Protein backbone atom coordinates (compact mmCIF):
# COMPACT_ATOMS: atom_id res chain seq x y z
CA MET A 1 10.94 -0.96 36.22
CA SER A 2 7.77 0.80 36.00
CA LEU A 3 8.92 4.17 37.24
CA ILE A 4 11.17 3.69 34.45
CA ARG A 5 8.96 3.00 31.76
CA THR A 6 6.56 5.70 32.88
CA ILE A 7 9.49 8.06 32.77
CA MET A 8 10.46 6.98 29.44
CA TRP A 9 6.91 7.10 28.25
CA LYS A 10 6.38 10.46 29.29
CA LEU A 11 9.75 11.98 27.48
CA ALA A 12 8.32 10.32 24.12
CA LYS A 13 4.93 11.86 24.62
CA ARG A 14 6.85 15.17 25.38
CA ALA A 15 9.00 14.95 22.45
CA ALA A 16 6.34 13.51 19.88
CA ALA A 17 4.96 16.87 20.94
CA ASP A 18 7.74 19.14 19.25
CA PRO A 19 7.28 20.20 16.21
CA ARG A 20 11.25 20.46 15.77
CA VAL A 21 10.87 17.14 16.57
CA GLN A 22 8.08 16.38 14.12
CA ARG A 23 9.84 18.01 11.34
CA ALA A 24 12.58 16.05 11.86
CA ALA A 25 10.75 12.24 11.61
CA VAL A 26 9.37 13.83 8.52
CA ASP A 27 12.53 14.24 6.58
CA ALA A 28 14.00 11.17 8.23
CA ALA A 29 10.68 9.48 6.82
CA VAL A 30 11.47 11.09 3.18
CA LYS A 31 15.39 10.26 3.09
CA VAL A 32 14.53 6.65 4.09
CA ASP A 33 11.80 5.91 1.40
CA GLY A 34 13.85 7.73 -1.28
CA LYS A 35 16.58 5.43 -0.25
CA ILE A 36 13.81 2.47 -0.85
CA ASP A 37 12.79 3.53 -3.54
CA LYS A 38 15.95 3.58 -5.13
CA ALA A 39 16.64 0.09 -4.08
CA ALA A 40 13.15 -1.33 -5.32
CA ASP A 41 14.07 0.06 -8.44
CA LYS A 42 17.55 -1.59 -8.69
CA PHE A 43 16.25 -4.99 -8.10
CA VAL A 44 13.95 -4.66 -10.44
CA GLU A 45 16.04 -3.98 -13.24
CA VAL A 46 18.26 -6.48 -12.29
CA ALA A 47 15.31 -9.19 -11.49
CA ALA A 48 14.48 -8.38 -15.51
CA ALA A 49 17.47 -8.73 -16.37
CA LYS A 50 18.21 -11.71 -15.71
CA ASP A 51 15.56 -13.79 -14.62
CA PRO A 52 17.07 -17.13 -12.66
CA ALA A 53 14.40 -19.43 -13.93
CA ARG A 54 14.90 -18.50 -17.57
CA GLU A 55 18.37 -18.92 -17.15
CA ALA A 56 18.13 -22.55 -15.12
CA GLY A 57 15.81 -23.83 -18.22
CA ARG A 58 18.04 -22.88 -21.36
CA VAL A 59 21.29 -24.69 -19.67
CA VAL A 60 18.57 -27.97 -19.03
CA GLY A 61 17.61 -27.36 -22.36
CA ARG A 62 20.66 -27.35 -23.89
CA PHE A 63 22.19 -30.32 -21.52
CA PHE A 64 19.34 -32.46 -23.24
CA GLY A 65 18.92 -31.00 -26.67
CA GLY A 66 22.79 -30.64 -27.19
CA SER A 67 21.70 -27.16 -28.83
CA ASN A 68 24.11 -23.99 -27.81
CA ASP A 69 21.78 -21.93 -29.46
CA ASP A 70 20.22 -19.33 -26.96
CA ASN A 71 17.47 -17.45 -29.76
CA LYS A 72 15.37 -20.04 -28.94
């Protein structure tokens, strides 16, 4: 097992030193970062549009208060 680990480590070091591999890694990281940014923006939009705690409070307030007015 140690021999396989050593060979894999040497291959990984050689690949990491290759400028083409480095460029491909940077390109992949930029793409993933952009996708994460878009997902985070979408999450913030959804969270801002509908706050679960506020909605639950309104439901409880309507139940105990008997009011159907959402403008409180």
